[in-house]
């Protein structure tokens, strides 16, 4: 609780928007890209922020390079990745978000 994640592409403040192709897990901090495009090539950095009581602290990760080779057309078998806590509880009428990812090409 109190921890949030954002990702940068190349430099601050070029934050990556969560859209139909890109998703940032607020559980793990991972960035998922459904279908990479040439414009995704670049240097990525995670920006984590903690909000505890009235104190906010942020930190950047080191940059990681993503290079896309035009000839890279690897095929992946269908796979569903889901990580749920051993026990998940919700109160009636309470909103719950569960993360589940489908992979494959």
PDB file of N, CA and C in Angstrom:
ATOM      1  N   UNK A   1       0.826  -1.202   0.000  1.00  0.00           N
ATOM      2  CA  UNK A   1       0.000   0.000   0.000  1.00  0.00           C
ATOM      3  C   UNK A   1       0.863   1.256   0.000  1.00  0.00           C
ATOM      4  N   UNK A   2       0.410   2.259  -0.709  1.00  0.00           N
ATOM      5  CA  UNK A   2       1.151   3.509  -0.739  1.00  0.00           C
ATOM      6  C   UNK A   2       2.295   3.528  -1.719  1.00  0.00           C
ATOM      7  N   UNK A   3       2.412   2.506  -2.585  1.00  0.00           N
ATOM      8  CA  UNK A   3       3.485   2.443  -3.569  1.00  0.00           C
ATOM      9  C   UNK A   3       2.878   2.476  -4.965  1.00  0.00           C
ATOM     10  N   UNK A   4       3.393   3.352  -5.829  1.00  0.00           N
ATOM     11  CA  UNK A   4       2.883   3.428  -7.196  1.00  0.00           C
ATOM     12  C   UNK A   4       4.053   3.417  -8.177  1.00  0.00           C
ATOM     13  N   UNK A   5       3.778   2.970  -9.403  1.00  0.00           N
ATOM     14  CA  UNK A   5       4.813   2.817 -10.422  1.00  0.00           C
ATOM     15  C   UNK A   5       4.411   3.552 -11.694  1.00  0.00           C
ATOM     16  N   UNK A   6       5.409   4.169 -12.327  1.00  0.00           N
ATOM     17  CA  UNK A   6       5.265   4.762 -13.656  1.00  0.00           C
ATOM     18  C   UNK A   6       6.526   4.413 -14.418  1.00  0.00           C
ATOM     19  N   UNK A   7       6.453   4.386 -15.731  1.00  0.00           N
ATOM     20  CA  UNK A   7       7.621   4.083 -16.558  1.00  0.00           C
ATOM     21  C   UNK A   7       7.913   5.243 -17.486  1.00  0.00           C
ATOM     22  N   UNK A   8       9.203   5.480 -17.728  1.00  0.00           N
ATOM     23  CA  UNK A   8       9.683   6.532 -18.624  1.00  0.00           C
ATOM     24  C   UNK A   8      10.296   5.896 -19.862  1.00  0.00           C
ATOM     25  N   UNK A   9      10.169   6.571 -20.970  1.00  0.00           N
ATOM     26  CA  UNK A   9      10.842   6.149 -22.202  1.00  0.00           C
ATOM     27  C   UNK A   9      11.833   7.240 -22.580  1.00  0.00           C
ATOM     28  N   UNK A  10      13.101   6.901 -22.526  1.00  0.00           N
ATOM     29  CA  UNK A  10      14.244   7.725 -22.915  1.00  0.00           C
ATOM     30  C   UNK A  10      14.629   8.824 -21.917  1.00  0.00           C
ATOM     31  N   UNK A  11      13.716   9.657 -21.477  1.00  0.00           N
ATOM     32  CA  UNK A  11      14.099  10.718 -20.546  1.00  0.00           C
ATOM     33  C   UNK A  11      12.881  11.254 -19.808  1.00  0.00           C
ATOM     34  N   UNK A  12      13.136  11.898 -18.691  1.00  0.00           N
ATOM     35  CA  UNK A  12      12.088  12.538 -17.903  1.00  0.00           C
ATOM     36  C   UNK A  12      11.630  13.779 -18.650  1.00  0.00           C
ATOM     37  N   UNK A  13      10.390  14.074 -18.765  1.00  0.00           N
ATOM     38  CA  UNK A  13       9.191  13.467 -18.200  1.00  0.00           C
ATOM     39  C   UNK A  13       8.380  12.676 -19.223  1.00  0.00           C
ATOM     40  N   UNK A  14       9.002  11.900 -20.073  1.00  0.00           N
ATOM     41  CA  UNK A  14       8.286  11.122 -21.089  1.00  0.00           C
ATOM     42  C   UNK A  14       7.690   9.857 -20.474  1.00  0.00           C
ATOM     43  N   UNK A  15       6.648  10.028 -19.658  1.00  0.00           N
ATOM     44  CA  UNK A  15       5.997   8.886 -19.029  1.00  0.00           C
ATOM     45  C   UNK A  15       5.189   8.105 -20.060  1.00  0.00           C
ATOM     46  N   UNK A  16       5.203   6.800 -19.923  1.00  0.00           N
ATOM     47  CA  UNK A  16       4.473   5.918 -20.834  1.00  0.00           C
ATOM     48  C   UNK A  16       3.024   5.848 -20.377  1.00  0.00           C
ATOM     49  N   UNK A  17       2.084   6.184 -21.257  1.00  0.00           N
ATOM     50  CA  UNK A  17       0.676   6.105 -20.856  1.00  0.00           C
ATOM     51  C   UNK A  17       0.196   4.656 -20.890  1.00  0.00           C
ATOM     52  N   UNK A  18      -0.642   4.296 -19.946  1.00  0.00           N
ATOM     53  CA  UNK A  18      -1.285   2.980 -19.993  1.00  0.00           C
ATOM     54  C   UNK A  18      -2.390   3.096 -21.035  1.00  0.00           C
ATOM     55  N   UNK A  19      -2.334   2.249 -22.033  1.00  0.00           N
ATOM     56  CA  UNK A  19      -3.347   2.272 -23.080  1.00  0.00           C
ATOM     57  C   UNK A  19      -3.678   0.826 -23.450  1.00  0.00           C
ATOM     58  N   UNK A  20      -4.309   0.611 -24.562  1.00  0.00           N
ATOM     59  CA  UNK A  20      -4.682  -0.740 -24.960  1.00  0.00           C
ATOM     60  C   UNK A  20      -3.499  -1.639 -25.265  1.00  0.00           C
ATOM     61  N   UNK A  21      -2.330  -1.066 -25.491  1.00  0.00           N
ATOM     62  CA  UNK A  21      -1.138  -1.825 -25.850  1.00  0.00           C
ATOM     63  C   UNK A  21      -0.144  -1.947 -24.704  1.00  0.00           C
ATOM     64  N   UNK A  22      -0.188  -1.014 -23.771  1.00  0.00           N
ATOM     65  CA  UNK A  22       0.776  -0.987 -22.669  1.00  0.00           C
ATOM     66  C   UNK A  22       0.057  -0.960 -21.328  1.00  0.00           C
ATOM     67  N   UNK A  23       0.606  -1.695 -20.383  1.00  0.00           N
ATOM     68  CA  UNK A  23      -0.005  -1.801 -19.062  1.00  0.00           C
ATOM     69  C   UNK A  23       1.088  -1.823 -18.004  1.00  0.00           C
ATOM     70  N   UNK A  24       0.908  -1.067 -16.928  1.00  0.00           N
ATOM     71  CA  UNK A  24       1.858  -1.052 -15.816  1.00  0.00           C
ATOM     72  C   UNK A  24       1.163  -1.674 -14.614  1.00  0.00           C
ATOM     73  N   UNK A  25       1.704  -2.793 -14.136  1.00  0.00           N
ATOM     74  CA  UNK A  25       1.139  -3.471 -12.975  1.00  0.00           C
ATOM     75  C   UNK A  25       1.443  -2.657 -11.727  1.00  0.00           C
ATOM     76  N   UNK A  26       0.396  -2.274 -11.005  1.00  0.00           N
ATOM     77  CA  UNK A  26       0.599  -1.556  -9.750  1.00  0.00           C
ATOM     78  C   UNK A  26       0.841  -2.537  -8.604  1.00  0.00           C
ATOM     79  N   UNK A  27       0.811  -3.831  -8.911  1.00  0.00           N
ATOM     80  CA  UNK A  27       1.132  -4.862  -7.924  1.00  0.00           C
ATOM     81  C   UNK A  27       2.622  -5.176  -7.946  1.00  0.00           C
ATOM     82  N   UNK A  28       3.167  -5.384  -9.152  1.00  0.00           N
ATOM     83  CA  UNK A  28       4.577  -5.775  -9.289  1.00  0.00           C
ATOM     84  C   UNK A  28       5.469  -4.656  -9.793  1.00  0.00           C
ATOM     85  N   UNK A  29       4.891  -3.644 -10.446  1.00  0.00           N
ATOM     86  CA  UNK A  29       5.681  -2.581 -11.055  1.00  0.00           C
ATOM     87  C   UNK A  29       6.126  -2.920 -12.463  1.00  0.00           C
ATOM     88  N   UNK A  30       5.801  -4.109 -12.950  1.00  0.00           N
ATOM     89  CA  UNK A  30       6.216  -4.526 -14.287  1.00  0.00           C
ATOM     90  C   UNK A  30       5.489  -3.747 -15.381  1.00  0.00           C
ATOM     91  N   UNK A  31       6.203  -3.512 -16.471  1.00  0.00           N
ATOM     92  CA  UNK A  31       5.630  -2.896 -17.664  1.00  0.00           C
ATOM     93  C   UNK A  31       5.384  -4.006 -18.672  1.00  0.00           C
ATOM     94  N   UNK A  32       4.173  -4.073 -19.205  1.00  0.00           N
ATOM     95  CA  UNK A  32       3.819  -5.071 -20.216  1.00  0.00           C
ATOM     96  C   UNK A  32       3.449  -4.345 -21.506  1.00  0.00           C
ATOM     97  N   UNK A  33       3.999  -4.818 -22.620  1.00  0.00           N
ATOM     98  CA  UNK A  33       3.672  -4.260 -23.929  1.00  0.00           C
ATOM     99  C   UNK A  33       3.064  -5.390 -24.746  1.00  0.00           C
ATOM    100  N   UNK A  34       1.798  -5.231 -25.140  1.00  0.00           N
ATOM    101  CA  UNK A  34       1.073  -6.296 -25.825  1.00  0.00           C
ATOM    102  C   UNK A  34       1.664  -6.590 -27.205  1.00  0.00           C
ATOM    103  N   UNK A  35       1.989  -5.568 -27.948  1.00  0.00           N
ATOM    104  CA  UNK A  35       2.562  -5.752 -29.287  1.00  0.00           C
ATOM    105  C   UNK A  35       3.575  -4.639 -29.495  1.00  0.00           C
ATOM    106  N   UNK A  36       4.853  -5.016 -29.571  1.00  0.00           N
ATOM    107  CA  UNK A  36       5.883  -3.992 -29.713  1.00  0.00           C
ATOM    108  C   UNK A  36       5.861  -3.400 -31.115  1.00  0.00           C
ATOM    109  N   UNK A  37       6.219  -2.131 -31.173  1.00  0.00           N
ATOM    110  CA  UNK A  37       6.314  -1.404 -32.437  1.00  0.00           C
ATOM    111  C   UNK A  37       7.681  -0.728 -32.484  1.00  0.00           C
ATOM    112  N   UNK A  38       8.084  -0.278 -33.642  1.00  0.00           N
ATOM    113  CA  UNK A  38       9.388   0.369 -33.798  1.00  0.00           C
ATOM    114  C   UNK A  38       9.540   1.553 -32.836  1.00  0.00           C
ATOM    115  N   UNK A  39       8.451   2.245 -32.560  1.00  0.00           N
ATOM    116  CA  UNK A  39       8.512   3.411 -31.663  1.00  0.00           C
ATOM    117  C   UNK A  39       8.780   3.015 -30.206  1.00  0.00           C
ATOM    118  N   UNK A  40       8.714   1.719 -29.895  1.00  0.00           N
ATOM    119  CA  UNK A  40       8.989   1.248 -28.533  1.00  0.00           C
ATOM    120  C   UNK A  40      10.486   1.104 -28.262  1.00  0.00           C
ATOM    121  N   UNK A  41      11.303   1.193 -29.296  1.00  0.00           N
ATOM    122  CA  UNK A  41      12.748   1.098 -29.122  1.00  0.00           C
ATOM    123  C   UNK A  41      13.227   2.279 -28.287  1.00  0.00           C
ATOM    124  N   UNK A  42      14.077   1.999 -27.304  1.00  0.00           N
ATOM    125  CA  UNK A  42      14.605   3.087 -26.485  1.00  0.00           C
ATOM    126  C   UNK A  42      15.050   2.606 -25.122  1.00  0.00           C
ATOM    127  N   UNK A  43      15.276   3.569 -24.245  1.00  0.00           N
ATOM    128  CA  UNK A  43      15.727   3.300 -22.881  1.00  0.00           C
ATOM    129  C   UNK A  43      14.567   3.490 -21.914  1.00  0.00           C
ATOM    130  N   UNK A  44      14.317   2.457 -21.102  1.00  0.00           N
ATOM    131  CA  UNK A  44      13.207   2.459 -20.163  1.00  0.00           C
ATOM    132  C   UNK A  44      13.714   2.561 -18.729  1.00  0.00           C
ATOM    133  N   UNK A  45      12.975   3.311 -17.901  1.00  0.00           N
ATOM    134  CA  UNK A  45      13.297   3.429 -16.487  1.00  0.00           C
ATOM    135  C   UNK A  45      11.994   3.422 -15.699  1.00  0.00           C
ATOM    136  N   UNK A  46      12.004   2.717 -14.574  1.00  0.00           N
ATOM    137  CA  UNK A  46      10.840   2.678 -13.691  1.00  0.00           C
ATOM    138  C   UNK A  46      10.947   3.806 -12.668  1.00  0.00           C
ATOM    139  N   UNK A  47       9.851   4.469 -12.415  1.00  0.00           N
ATOM    140  CA  UNK A  47       9.773   5.571 -11.453  1.00  0.00           C
ATOM    141  C   UNK A  47       8.810   5.117 -10.357  1.00  0.00           C
ATOM    142  N   UNK A  48       9.351   4.762  -9.204  1.00  0.00           N
ATOM    143  CA  UNK A  48       8.529   4.282  -8.090  1.00  0.00           C
ATOM    144  C   UNK A  48       8.358   5.382  -7.061  1.00  0.00           C
ATOM    145  N   UNK A  49       7.143   5.512  -6.552  1.00  0.00           N
ATOM    146  CA  UNK A  49       6.838   6.532  -5.557  1.00  0.00           C
ATOM    147  C   UNK A  49       6.134   5.877  -4.376  1.00  0.00           C
ATOM    148  N   UNK A  50       6.610   6.190  -3.171  1.00  0.00           N
ATOM    149  CA  UNK A  50       5.943   5.689  -1.969  1.00  0.00           C
ATOM    150  C   UNK A  50       5.269   6.850  -1.254  1.00  0.00           C
ATOM    151  N   UNK A  51       4.078   6.582  -0.781  1.00  0.00           N
ATOM    152  CA  UNK A  51       3.282   7.571  -0.061  1.00  0.00           C
ATOM    153  C   UNK A  51       2.975   6.986   1.315  1.00  0.00           C
ATOM    154  N   UNK A  52       3.725   7.371   2.315  1.00  0.00           N
ATOM    155  CA  UNK A  52       3.501   6.875   3.663  1.00  0.00           C
ATOM    156  C   UNK A  52       3.229   8.071   4.564  1.00  0.00           C
ATOM    157  N   UNK A  53       2.091   8.012   5.224  1.00  0.00           N
ATOM    158  CA  UNK A  53       1.633   9.127   6.053  1.00  0.00           C
ATOM    159  C   UNK A  53       1.646  10.403   5.210  1.00  0.00           C
ATOM    160  N   UNK A  54       2.425  11.389   5.621  1.00  0.00           N
ATOM    161  CA  UNK A  54       2.467  12.650   4.874  1.00  0.00           C
ATOM    162  C   UNK A  54       3.789  12.811   4.143  1.00  0.00           C
ATOM    163  N   UNK A  55       4.529  11.704   3.970  1.00  0.00           N
ATOM    164  CA  UNK A  55       5.836  11.746   3.316  1.00  0.00           C
ATOM    165  C   UNK A  55       5.751  11.035   1.972  1.00  0.00           C
ATOM    166  N   UNK A  56       6.270  11.673   0.931  1.00  0.00           N
ATOM    167  CA  UNK A  56       6.317  11.073  -0.395  1.00  0.00           C
ATOM    168  C   UNK A  56       7.766  11.017  -0.841  1.00  0.00           C
ATOM    169  N   UNK A  57       8.207   9.820  -1.278  1.00  0.00           N
ATOM    170  CA  UNK A  57       9.570   9.660  -1.790  1.00  0.00           C
ATOM    171  C   UNK A  57       9.495   8.947  -3.127  1.00  0.00           C
ATOM    172  N   UNK A  58      10.348   9.355  -4.061  1.00  0.00           N
ATOM    173  CA  UNK A  58      10.383   8.750  -5.383  1.00  0.00           C
ATOM    174  C   UNK A  58      11.804   8.363  -5.742  1.00  0.00           C
ATOM    175  N   UNK A  59      11.924   7.343  -6.582  1.00  0.00           N
ATOM    176  CA  UNK A  59      13.233   6.887  -7.035  1.00  0.00           C
ATOM    177  C   UNK A  59      13.113   6.362  -8.466  1.00  0.00           C
ATOM    178  N   UNK A  60      14.170   6.590  -9.253  1.00  0.00           N
ATOM    179  CA  UNK A  60      14.251   6.079 -10.618  1.00  0.00           C
ATOM    180  C   UNK A  60      15.119   4.831 -10.627  1.00  0.00           C
ATOM    181  N   UNK A  61      14.754   3.854 -11.456  1.00  0.00           N
ATOM    182  CA  UNK A  61      15.630   2.703 -11.660  1.00  0.00           C
ATOM    183  C   UNK A  61      16.673   3.088 -12.706  1.00  0.00           C
ATOM    184  N   UNK A  62      17.680   2.243 -12.890  1.00  0.00           N
ATOM    185  CA  UNK A  62      18.617   2.436 -13.996  1.00  0.00           C
ATOM    186  C   UNK A  62      17.862   2.211 -15.292  1.00  0.00           C
ATOM    187  N   UNK A  63      18.366   2.788 -16.367  1.00  0.00           N
ATOM    188  CA  UNK A  63      17.729   2.597 -17.664  1.00  0.00           C
ATOM    189  C   UNK A  63      18.062   1.220 -18.226  1.00  0.00           C
ATOM    190  N   UNK A  64      17.067   0.597 -18.870  1.00  0.00           N
ATOM    191  CA  UNK A  64      17.238  -0.667 -19.585  1.00  0.00           C
ATOM    192  C   UNK A  64      16.890  -0.412 -21.034  1.00  0.00           C
ATOM    193  N   UNK A  65      17.706  -0.934 -21.928  1.00  0.00           N
ATOM    194  CA  UNK A  65      17.535  -0.703 -23.370  1.00  0.00           C
ATOM    195  C   UNK A  65      16.626  -1.754 -23.989  1.00  0.00           C
ATOM    196  N   UNK A  66      15.689  -1.336 -24.829  1.00  0.00           N
ATOM    197  CA  UNK A  66      14.853  -2.238 -25.619  1.00  0.00           C
ATOM    198  C   UNK A  66      15.171  -1.972 -27.081  1.00  0.00           C
ATOM    199  N   UNK A  67      15.722  -2.999 -27.744  1.00  0.00           N
ATOM    200  CA  UNK A  67      16.010  -2.911 -29.178  1.00  0.00           C
ATOM    201  C   UNK A  67      15.143  -3.930 -29.888  1.00  0.00           C
ATOM    202  N   UNK A  68      14.527  -3.512 -30.960  1.00  0.00           N
ATOM    203  CA  UNK A  68      13.665  -4.403 -31.729  1.00  0.00           C
ATOM    204  C   UNK A  68      14.331  -4.703 -33.062  1.00  0.00           C
ATOM    205  N   UNK A  69      14.541  -5.991 -33.324  1.00  0.00           N
ATOM    206  CA  UNK A  69      15.099  -6.413 -34.609  1.00  0.00           C
ATOM    207  C   UNK A  69      13.947  -6.682 -35.563  1.00  0.00           C
ATOM    208  N   UNK A  70      14.020  -6.131 -36.760  1.00  0.00           N
ATOM    209  CA  UNK A  70      12.949  -6.292 -37.739  1.00  0.00           C
ATOM    210  C   UNK A  70      12.729  -7.757 -38.088  1.00  0.00           C
ATOM    211  N   UNK A  71      13.786  -8.552 -38.065  1.00  0.00           N
ATOM    212  CA  UNK A  71      13.660  -9.961 -38.431  1.00  0.00           C
ATOM    213  C   UNK A  71      13.197 -10.842 -37.274  1.00  0.00           C
ATOM    214  N   UNK A  72      13.004 -10.272 -36.103  1.00  0.00           N
ATOM    215  CA  UNK A  72      12.588 -11.053 -34.936  1.00  0.00           C
ATOM    216  C   UNK A  72      11.082 -11.261 -34.970  1.00  0.00           C
ATOM    217  N   UNK A  73      10.671 -12.408 -35.420  1.00  0.00           N
ATOM    218  CA  UNK A  73       9.242 -12.722 -35.482  1.00  0.00           C
ATOM    219  C   UNK A  73       8.990 -14.041 -34.760  1.00  0.00           C
ATOM    220  N   UNK A  74       9.534 -14.143 -33.565  1.00  0.00           N
ATOM    221  CA  UNK A  74       9.365 -15.370 -32.787  1.00  0.00           C
ATOM    222  C   UNK A  74       7.895 -15.631 -32.511  1.00  0.00           C
ATOM    223  N   UNK A  75       7.549 -16.900 -32.520  1.00  0.00           N
ATOM    224  CA  UNK A  75       6.200 -17.325 -32.205  1.00  0.00           C
ATOM    225  C   UNK A  75       6.182 -17.894 -30.790  1.00  0.00           C
ATOM    226  N   UNK A  76       5.157 -17.582 -30.028  1.00  0.00           N
ATOM    227  CA  UNK A  76       5.031 -18.084 -28.669  1.00  0.00           C
ATOM    228  C   UNK A  76       3.722 -18.837 -28.531  1.00  0.00           C
ATOM    229  N   UNK A  77       3.740 -19.979 -27.840  1.00  0.00           N
ATOM    230  CA  UNK A  77       2.485 -20.705 -27.637  1.00  0.00           C
ATOM    231  C   UNK A  77       1.567 -19.929 -26.689  1.00  0.00           C
ATOM    232  N   UNK A  78       0.254 -20.129 -26.798  1.00  0.00           N
ATOM    233  CA  UNK A  78      -0.666 -19.446 -25.890  1.00  0.00           C
ATOM    234  C   UNK A  78      -0.369 -19.806 -24.441  1.00  0.00           C
ATOM    235  N   UNK A  79      -0.451 -18.830 -23.567  1.00  0.00           N
ATOM    236  CA  UNK A  79      -0.169 -19.046 -22.151  1.00  0.00           C
ATOM    237  C   UNK A  79      -0.888 -17.977 -21.345  1.00  0.00           C
ATOM    238  N   UNK A  80      -1.524 -18.376 -20.263  1.00  0.00           N
ATOM    239  CA  UNK A  80      -2.193 -17.431 -19.360  1.00  0.00           C
ATOM    240  C   UNK A  80      -1.351 -17.343 -18.096  1.00  0.00           C
ATOM    241  N   UNK A  81      -0.979 -16.123 -17.716  1.00  0.00           N
ATOM    242  CA  UNK A  81      -0.185 -15.896 -16.513  1.00  0.00           C
ATOM    243  C   UNK A  81      -1.061 -15.163 -15.503  1.00  0.00           C
ATOM    244  N   UNK A  82      -1.272 -15.760 -14.385  1.00  0.00           N
ATOM    245  CA  UNK A  82      -2.058 -15.127 -13.331  1.00  0.00           C
ATOM    246  C   UNK A  82      -1.371 -15.371 -12.001  1.00  0.00           C
ATOM    247  N   UNK A  83      -1.181 -14.313 -11.239  1.00  0.00           N
ATOM    248  CA  UNK A  83      -0.611 -14.437  -9.899  1.00  0.00           C
ATOM    249  C   UNK A  83      -1.576 -13.799  -8.921  1.00  0.00           C
ATOM    250  N   UNK A  84      -2.297 -14.631  -8.225  1.00  0.00           N
ATOM    251  CA  UNK A  84      -3.223 -14.133  -7.234  1.00  0.00           C
ATOM    252  C   UNK A  84      -2.694 -14.496  -5.856  1.00  0.00           C
ATOM    253  N   UNK A  85      -2.938 -13.657  -4.863  1.00  0.00           N
ATOM    254  CA  UNK A  85      -2.540 -14.015  -3.503  1.00  0.00           C
ATOM    255  C   UNK A  85      -3.242 -15.310  -3.090  1.00  0.00           C
ATOM    256  N   UNK A  86      -2.639 -16.055  -2.173  1.00  0.00           N
ATOM    257  CA  UNK A  86      -3.231 -17.315  -1.721  1.00  0.00           C
ATOM    258  C   UNK A  86      -4.664 -17.088  -1.231  1.00  0.00           C
ATOM    259  N   UNK A  87      -4.881 -16.030  -0.488  1.00  0.00           N
ATOM    260  CA  UNK A  87      -6.219 -15.681  -0.007  1.00  0.00           C
ATOM    261  C   UNK A  87      -6.562 -14.288  -0.492  1.00  0.00           C
ATOM    262  N   UNK A  88      -7.666 -14.178  -1.202  1.00  0.00           N
ATOM    263  CA  UNK A  88      -8.124 -12.882  -1.685  1.00  0.00           C
ATOM    264  C   UNK A  88      -9.534 -12.659  -1.161  1.00  0.00           C
ATOM    265  N   UNK A  89      -9.742 -11.555  -0.465  1.00  0.00           N
ATOM    266  CA  UNK A  89     -11.041 -11.262   0.120  1.00  0.00           C
ATOM    267  C   UNK A  89     -11.565  -9.936  -0.411  1.00  0.00           C
ATOM    268  N   UNK A  90     -12.866  -9.836  -0.496  1.00  0.00           N
ATOM    269  CA  UNK A  90     -13.504  -8.580  -0.880  1.00  0.00           C
ATOM    270  C   UNK A  90     -14.834  -8.477  -0.148  1.00  0.00           C
ATOM    271  N   UNK A  91     -15.186  -7.271   0.218  1.00  0.00           N
ATOM    272  CA  UNK A  91     -16.477  -7.030   0.846  1.00  0.00           C
ATOM    273  C   UNK A  91     -17.531  -6.862  -0.235  1.00  0.00           C
ATOM    274  N   UNK A  92     -18.742  -7.215   0.058  1.00  0.00           N
ATOM    275  CA  UNK A  92     -19.840  -7.050  -0.884  1.00  0.00           C
ATOM    276  C   UNK A  92     -19.920  -5.595  -1.322  1.00  0.00           C
ATOM    277  N   UNK A  93     -19.970  -5.387  -2.631  1.00  0.00           N
ATOM    278  CA  UNK A  93     -20.049  -4.041  -3.176  1.00  0.00           C
ATOM    279  C   UNK A  93     -18.706  -3.355  -3.339  1.00  0.00           C
ATOM    280  N   UNK A  94     -17.624  -3.997  -2.890  1.00  0.00           N
ATOM    281  CA  UNK A  94     -16.279  -3.416  -3.002  1.00  0.00           C
ATOM    282  C   UNK A  94     -15.676  -3.776  -4.360  1.00  0.00           C
ATOM    283  N   UNK A  95     -14.999  -2.823  -4.987  1.00  0.00           N
ATOM    284  CA  UNK A  95     -14.337  -3.072  -6.273  1.00  0.00           C
ATOM    285  C   UNK A  95     -13.042  -3.840  -6.040  1.00  0.00           C
ATOM    286  N   UNK A  96     -12.787  -4.826  -6.892  1.00  0.00           N
ATOM    287  CA  UNK A  96     -11.575  -5.645  -6.802  1.00  0.00           C
ATOM    288  C   UNK A  96     -10.925  -5.670  -8.176  1.00  0.00           C
ATOM    289  N   UNK A  97      -9.597  -5.514  -8.210  1.00  0.00           N
ATOM    290  CA  UNK A  97      -8.857  -5.605  -9.465  1.00  0.00           C
ATOM    291  C   UNK A  97      -7.929  -6.799  -9.391  1.00  0.00           C
ATOM    292  N   UNK A  98      -8.036  -7.706 -10.359  1.00  0.00           N
ATOM    293  CA  UNK A  98      -7.158  -8.871 -10.452  1.00  0.00           C
ATOM    294  C   UNK A  98      -6.400  -8.767 -11.763  1.00  0.00           C
ATOM    295  N   UNK A  99      -5.086  -9.030 -11.731  1.00  0.00           N
ATOM    296  CA  UNK A  99      -4.275  -8.940 -12.927  1.00  0.00           C
ATOM    297  C   UNK A  99      -4.088 -10.330 -13.535  1.00  0.00           C
ATOM    298  N   UNK A 100      -4.348 -10.445 -14.820  1.00  0.00           N
ATOM    299  CA  UNK A 100      -4.190 -11.701 -15.545  1.00  0.00           C
ATOM    300  C   UNK A 100      -3.713 -11.347 -16.940  1.00  0.00           C
ATOM    301  N   UNK A 101      -2.669 -12.016 -17.421  1.00  0.00           N
ATOM    302  CA  UNK A 101      -2.094 -11.690 -18.709  1.00  0.00           C
ATOM    303  C   UNK A 101      -2.106 -12.902 -19.630  1.00  0.00           C
ATOM    304  N   UNK A 102      -2.465 -12.678 -20.882  1.00  0.00           N
ATOM    305  CA  UNK A 102      -2.437 -13.734 -21.888  1.00  0.00           C
ATOM    306  C   UNK A 102      -1.272 -13.459 -22.826  1.00  0.00           C
ATOM    307  N   UNK A 103      -0.464 -14.473 -23.065  1.00  0.00           N
ATOM    308  CA  UNK A 103       0.685 -14.357 -23.951  1.00  0.00           C
ATOM    309  C   UNK A 103       0.504 -15.280 -25.142  1.00  0.00           C
ATOM    310  N   UNK A 104       1.162 -14.992 -26.230  1.00  0.00           N
ATOM    311  CA  UNK A 104       1.138 -15.862 -27.390  1.00  0.00           C
ATOM    312  C   UNK A 104       1.122 -15.072 -28.676  1.00  0.00           C
ATOM    313  N   UNK A 105       1.523 -15.731 -29.739  1.00  0.00           N
ATOM    314  CA  UNK A 105       1.523 -15.085 -31.053  1.00  0.00           C
ATOM    315  C   UNK A 105       1.320 -16.143 -32.100  1.00  0.00           C
TER     316      UNK A 105
END
